[in-house]
Protein backbone atom coordinates (compact mmCIF):
# COMPACT_ATOMS: atom_id res chain seq x y z
CA MET A 1 -23.88 -36.46 -4.49
CA LEU A 2 -25.24 -32.93 -4.84
CA ILE A 3 -28.79 -33.32 -6.20
CA VAL A 4 -30.14 -30.10 -7.68
CA ASP A 5 -33.59 -29.97 -9.25
CA SER A 6 -33.54 -27.55 -12.18
CA GLN A 7 -37.25 -26.70 -11.94
CA VAL A 8 -39.76 -26.56 -9.11
CA HIS A 9 -42.73 -24.20 -8.72
CA ILE A 10 -44.16 -22.71 -5.55
CA TRP A 11 -47.30 -20.58 -5.36
CA GLY A 12 -49.60 -18.89 -2.89
CA ALA A 13 -53.19 -19.44 -1.91
CA ASP A 14 -56.08 -18.27 -4.08
CA THR A 15 -56.88 -14.93 -2.38
CA PRO A 16 -58.32 -11.56 -3.49
CA ASP A 17 -54.85 -10.01 -3.55
CA ARG A 18 -53.35 -13.05 -5.30
CA PRO A 19 -56.18 -14.51 -7.38
CA TRP A 20 -55.72 -17.65 -9.40
CA PRO A 21 -56.79 -17.53 -13.05
CA PRO A 22 -60.34 -18.75 -13.74
CA GLY A 23 -60.51 -22.53 -13.56
CA ARG A 24 -57.02 -22.88 -12.08
CA ALA A 25 -58.21 -24.68 -8.95
CA HIS A 26 -59.80 -27.37 -11.11
CA GLN A 27 -56.90 -27.63 -13.56
CA ALA A 28 -53.99 -27.64 -11.11
CA GLN A 29 -52.23 -30.88 -10.31
CA LYS A 30 -52.06 -29.58 -6.73
CA PRO A 31 -55.11 -27.32 -6.23
CA TYR A 32 -53.78 -25.70 -3.07
CA PRO A 33 -50.84 -23.48 -2.14
CA VAL A 34 -47.42 -25.03 -2.65
CA THR A 35 -45.16 -23.46 -0.03
CA LYS A 36 -41.45 -23.42 0.56
CA GLU A 37 -42.04 -25.47 3.70
CA MET A 38 -43.76 -28.19 1.67
CA VAL A 39 -40.89 -28.25 -0.79
CA LEU A 40 -38.24 -28.37 1.94
CA GLU A 41 -39.96 -31.32 3.59
CA ALA A 42 -40.24 -33.21 0.30
CA MET A 43 -36.62 -32.40 -0.55
CA GLY A 44 -35.53 -33.96 2.72
CA GLU A 45 -37.51 -37.11 2.04
CA ALA A 46 -36.20 -37.47 -1.52
CA GLY A 47 -32.59 -36.48 -0.89
CA VAL A 48 -32.65 -33.30 -2.98
CA SER A 49 -29.95 -30.83 -1.95
CA ARG A 50 -31.04 -27.71 -3.84
CA VAL A 51 -33.89 -26.48 -6.00
CA VAL A 52 -34.08 -23.87 -8.74
CA LEU A 53 -37.40 -22.15 -8.12
CA VAL A 54 -39.32 -21.07 -11.20
CA PRO A 55 -42.42 -18.92 -10.57
CA PRO A 56 -45.40 -20.47 -12.39
CA SER A 57 -46.32 -18.74 -15.64
CA TRP A 58 -49.94 -18.31 -14.58
CA GLU A 59 -48.80 -15.90 -11.85
CA GLY A 60 -47.51 -13.46 -14.46
CA ASP A 61 -44.33 -11.69 -13.42
CA ARG A 62 -44.53 -12.24 -9.65
CA ASN A 63 -41.28 -13.49 -8.14
CA ASP A 64 -41.90 -12.56 -4.51
CA LEU A 65 -42.58 -16.00 -3.02
CA ALA A 66 -39.58 -17.57 -4.73
CA LEU A 67 -37.27 -14.74 -3.72
CA GLU A 68 -38.47 -14.96 -0.12
CA ALA A 69 -37.65 -18.66 -0.10
CA ALA A 70 -34.18 -17.97 -1.48
CA ARG A 71 -33.60 -15.20 1.07
CA LEU A 72 -34.55 -17.44 3.98
CA HIS A 73 -32.82 -20.57 2.64
CA PRO A 74 -30.00 -19.45 0.33
CA ASP A 75 -28.30 -22.82 0.58
CA ARG A 76 -31.42 -24.63 -0.66
CA PHE A 77 -33.19 -22.27 -3.09
CA ALA A 78 -32.29 -19.94 -5.94
CA VAL A 79 -34.57 -18.31 -8.51
CA MET A 80 -34.94 -18.00 -12.27
CA GLY A 81 -37.43 -15.15 -12.35
CA ARG A 82 -39.99 -13.70 -14.70
CA LEU A 83 -40.75 -10.26 -16.07
CA ALA A 84 -43.35 -8.97 -18.49
CA ILE A 85 -41.58 -9.15 -21.86
CA GLU A 86 -44.40 -7.32 -23.59
CA ARG A 87 -44.19 -4.22 -21.38
CA PRO A 88 -41.65 -1.48 -22.20
CA GLU A 89 -41.19 -0.72 -18.49
CA SER A 90 -39.63 -4.17 -18.04
CA ARG A 91 -36.60 -3.37 -20.17
CA PRO A 92 -34.65 -1.29 -17.62
CA LEU A 93 -35.00 -4.09 -15.05
CA VAL A 94 -32.65 -6.48 -16.80
CA ALA A 95 -29.38 -4.66 -16.15
CA ASP A 96 -29.77 -4.92 -12.35
CA TRP A 97 -31.73 -8.19 -12.27
CA LYS A 98 -29.13 -10.16 -10.33
CA ARG A 99 -28.95 -7.55 -7.59
CA GLN A 100 -32.02 -9.23 -6.17
CA PRO A 101 -30.67 -11.70 -3.56
CA GLY A 102 -31.13 -15.26 -4.76
CA MET A 103 -31.88 -14.33 -8.37
CA LEU A 104 -29.80 -16.20 -10.95
CA GLY A 105 -31.48 -15.32 -14.25
CA LEU A 106 -34.71 -15.34 -16.25
CA ARG A 107 -37.24 -17.93 -17.34
CA PHE A 108 -40.02 -17.68 -19.94
CA THR A 109 -42.61 -19.93 -21.55
CA PHE A 110 -43.56 -19.62 -25.22
CA HIS A 111 -46.07 -22.42 -25.66
CA THR A 112 -49.45 -20.77 -25.14
CA GLU A 113 -51.63 -19.10 -27.72
CA ALA A 114 -50.85 -15.74 -26.14
CA GLN A 115 -47.10 -16.16 -25.63
CA LYS A 116 -45.87 -18.17 -28.61
CA PRO A 117 -46.32 -15.29 -31.11
CA TRP A 118 -43.87 -13.18 -29.09
CA LEU A 119 -41.03 -15.28 -30.51
CA TYR A 120 -42.07 -14.39 -34.05
CA ASP A 121 -43.61 -10.90 -33.98
CA GLY A 122 -40.65 -9.08 -32.44
CA THR A 123 -42.09 -8.73 -28.93
CA ALA A 124 -39.27 -10.75 -27.33
CA ASP A 125 -36.47 -9.58 -29.61
CA TRP A 126 -35.14 -6.96 -27.20
CA LEU A 127 -34.68 -9.49 -24.42
CA TRP A 128 -31.90 -11.62 -25.87
CA ALA A 129 -29.38 -8.81 -26.34
CA ALA A 130 -30.28 -7.31 -22.97
CA ALA A 131 -29.79 -10.62 -21.15
CA GLU A 132 -26.55 -11.29 -23.04
CA LYS A 133 -25.19 -7.87 -22.04
CA ALA A 134 -26.21 -8.36 -18.41
CA GLY A 135 -24.72 -11.85 -18.24
CA LEU A 136 -28.08 -13.40 -17.38
CA PRO A 137 -28.80 -17.04 -18.25
CA VAL A 138 -32.27 -17.53 -19.70
CA MET A 139 -34.47 -20.62 -19.53
CA ILE A 140 -37.11 -20.95 -22.26
CA PHE A 141 -39.86 -23.46 -22.95
CA VAL A 142 -40.30 -23.46 -26.72
CA PRO A 143 -42.11 -26.59 -27.99
CA GLY A 144 -42.57 -26.31 -31.74
CA SER A 145 -40.20 -23.35 -31.98
CA LEU A 146 -36.72 -24.85 -31.76
CA PRO A 147 -35.53 -23.23 -35.03
CA VAL A 148 -36.22 -19.85 -33.43
CA ALA A 149 -34.17 -20.85 -30.39
CA ASP A 150 -31.35 -21.87 -32.72
CA ALA A 151 -31.44 -18.48 -34.43
CA ILE A 152 -31.39 -16.66 -31.08
CA ALA A 153 -28.38 -18.68 -29.90
CA ALA A 154 -26.56 -18.01 -33.16
CA ARG A 155 -27.17 -14.24 -33.00
CA HIS A 156 -26.19 -14.01 -29.33
CA PRO A 157 -23.24 -16.34 -28.67
CA GLY A 158 -22.67 -14.82 -25.23
CA LEU A 159 -26.21 -15.62 -24.10
CA ARG A 160 -26.53 -18.78 -22.01
CA LEU A 161 -29.78 -20.41 -23.10
CA VAL A 162 -31.44 -23.38 -21.43
CA ILE A 163 -34.14 -25.32 -23.28
CA ASP A 164 -36.76 -26.45 -20.77
CA HIS A 165 -38.22 -29.98 -20.72
CA LEU A 166 -36.28 -30.79 -23.92
CA ALA A 167 -38.90 -28.63 -25.70
CA LEU A 168 -41.29 -31.59 -25.64
CA SER A 169 -44.85 -31.16 -26.82
CA ILE A 170 -46.90 -30.68 -23.67
CA ALA A 171 -49.97 -32.37 -25.16
CA GLU A 172 -48.17 -35.57 -26.27
CA LYS A 173 -46.56 -38.62 -24.71
CA ASP A 174 -44.09 -41.32 -25.73
CA ALA A 175 -42.75 -41.10 -29.31
CA ALA A 176 -45.17 -38.32 -30.28
CA ALA A 177 -43.78 -36.06 -27.56
CA PHE A 178 -40.25 -36.51 -28.96
CA ALA A 179 -41.13 -35.80 -32.59
CA ASP A 180 -38.89 -32.71 -32.65
CA LEU A 181 -35.95 -34.37 -30.92
CA PRO A 182 -33.71 -34.15 -34.04
CA GLN A 183 -34.13 -30.36 -33.96
CA LEU A 184 -33.14 -30.31 -30.31
CA LEU A 185 -30.08 -32.48 -30.90
CA ALA A 186 -29.00 -30.14 -33.69
CA LEU A 187 -28.86 -27.33 -31.12
CA ALA A 188 -25.97 -29.11 -29.40
CA LYS A 189 -23.68 -27.45 -31.94
CA ARG A 190 -24.29 -24.16 -30.12
CA PRO A 191 -21.96 -24.10 -27.10
CA ASN A 192 -24.19 -21.50 -25.43
CA VAL A 193 -27.20 -23.86 -25.33
CA ALA A 194 -27.96 -26.35 -22.56
CA VAL A 195 -31.04 -28.48 -21.93
CA LYS A 196 -33.19 -29.41 -18.94
CA ALA A 197 -33.95 -33.12 -18.87
CA SER A 198 -36.87 -32.21 -16.67
CA ALA A 199 -40.45 -33.46 -16.20
CA LEU A 200 -39.67 -36.48 -18.37
CA PRO A 201 -41.99 -38.93 -16.54
CA CYS A 202 -44.84 -36.60 -17.51
CA TYR A 203 -44.27 -37.56 -21.14
CA SER A 204 -44.53 -41.33 -20.73
CA THR A 205 -47.50 -43.69 -20.55
CA GLU A 206 -45.31 -46.38 -18.99
CA PRO A 207 -44.81 -47.04 -15.28
CA TYR A 208 -41.48 -46.42 -13.57
CA PRO A 209 -38.70 -46.86 -14.67
CA TYR A 210 -40.11 -45.47 -17.93
CA ARG A 211 -37.95 -47.61 -20.17
CA GLY A 212 -39.27 -45.95 -23.30
CA LEU A 213 -37.60 -42.71 -22.19
CA HIS A 214 -34.13 -44.19 -21.82
CA THR A 215 -33.17 -44.10 -25.48
CA TYR A 216 -34.17 -40.45 -25.75
CA ILE A 217 -32.21 -39.52 -22.63
CA ARG A 218 -29.16 -41.27 -24.08
CA GLN A 219 -29.44 -39.36 -27.35
CA VAL A 220 -29.67 -36.04 -25.52
CA PHE A 221 -26.72 -36.90 -23.29
CA ASP A 222 -24.58 -38.03 -26.22
CA ALA A 223 -25.30 -34.77 -28.06
CA PHE A 224 -24.92 -32.24 -25.24
CA GLY A 225 -22.61 -34.02 -22.79
CA PRO A 226 -22.75 -34.07 -18.99
CA ARG A 227 -22.11 -30.36 -18.48
CA ARG A 228 -25.07 -29.20 -20.61
CA VAL A 229 -27.79 -31.63 -19.47
CA PHE A 230 -29.61 -30.66 -16.26
CA TRP A 231 -31.80 -33.13 -14.40
CA GLY A 232 -35.08 -31.77 -13.03
CA THR A 233 -38.68 -32.64 -12.28
CA ASP A 234 -41.25 -29.82 -12.45
CA TRP A 235 -42.22 -31.46 -9.15
CA THR A 236 -45.79 -30.18 -8.87
CA ARG A 237 -46.91 -32.14 -11.94
CA LEU A 238 -44.68 -35.18 -11.48
CA PRO A 239 -46.61 -38.49 -11.85
CA CYS A 240 -44.17 -40.39 -9.63
CA ALA A 241 -42.33 -39.92 -6.35
CA TRP A 242 -39.55 -37.34 -6.35
CA ARG A 243 -37.14 -40.08 -5.33
CA GLN A 244 -38.07 -42.14 -8.39
CA ALA A 245 -37.34 -39.17 -10.64
CA ILE A 246 -33.83 -39.22 -9.15
CA THR A 247 -33.26 -42.97 -9.39
CA LEU A 248 -34.45 -42.92 -13.00
CA PHE A 249 -31.07 -41.28 -13.69
CA THR A 250 -28.89 -42.63 -10.88
CA GLU A 251 -29.97 -46.30 -10.95
CA GLU A 252 -31.74 -47.04 -14.24
CA LEU A 253 -29.23 -45.68 -16.77
CA PRO A 254 -26.20 -47.99 -16.48
CA TRP A 255 -24.33 -46.10 -19.19
CA LEU A 256 -24.32 -42.90 -17.09
CA SER A 257 -21.08 -43.04 -15.14
CA ALA A 258 -20.74 -41.87 -11.55
CA ALA A 259 -18.67 -38.90 -12.71
CA ASP A 260 -21.27 -37.91 -15.30
CA GLN A 261 -24.05 -38.30 -12.74
CA GLU A 262 -22.32 -35.71 -10.58
CA TRP A 263 -22.67 -33.19 -13.41
CA VAL A 264 -26.13 -34.08 -14.70
CA MET A 265 -27.74 -34.37 -11.27
CA GLY A 266 -26.61 -31.01 -9.95
CA ARG A 267 -23.15 -29.68 -10.55
CA ALA A 268 -23.77 -28.70 -14.18
CA VAL A 269 -26.85 -26.55 -13.58
CA CYS A 270 -25.12 -24.75 -10.70
CA ASP A 271 -22.12 -24.08 -12.90
CA TRP A 272 -24.23 -22.84 -15.84
CA LEU A 273 -26.39 -20.55 -13.73
CA GLY A 274 -23.58 -19.29 -11.52
CA TRP A 275 -24.97 -20.75 -8.28
CA ARG A 276 -21.89 -21.17 -6.11
CA LEU A 277 -21.24 -24.78 -5.16
CA PRO A 278 -21.18 -25.68 -1.44
């Protein structure tokens, strides 16, 4: 089976020309560089075929490390990159975004005190039409803002949106983290919206196999179907082994058929993002 992780970060060392934000070394789950070589080794151990690299939000709009990985290993890595939404000089970049080798689309987070207002104050409004026109899929992390995502999808039916981490509240776990699940399930009516069932072990207080998560995964699958649900991990903050994040879906969900596993575990995200299948 083709196993494709829909979200993994890599980042460089804390250096003068690539400084980490204040306090990052103490806050990071892995307070050291996470390199493509580290990811490749771990992929081999876990049985992961491909990874969608997502530059970490705390690095701003730097995509260089991810693009280098995709250039050197195009069969293993592709990139959903970042740009500075708030800067007018970013707007002309969208039309030619995919000319960068290995670049599949765009990814943004709207959960911080600084970024969340951009969904409401007009800062991000230009992006959706520009990405739709350029044929760029866009991944967004929008906890607490799913009605805005619904409005964006409705206004731009040609825009392929992906809701990251099921839009779960990053500060909550178990039932509290899934408080907005009905709003997410309602988005299934938009054929241009898909979801990343990613980082889910991070939202549970239970040990593997995280049985409390199973009912939520089933609801998401039933709403969106196998071609719009993308397995993933956000590996650098995963509280379990990468292999366990895989077997959570391939061995612990008996209702997920072998054919549906093929889509959820890799084929669907490649199809949605336009990453040619091997």
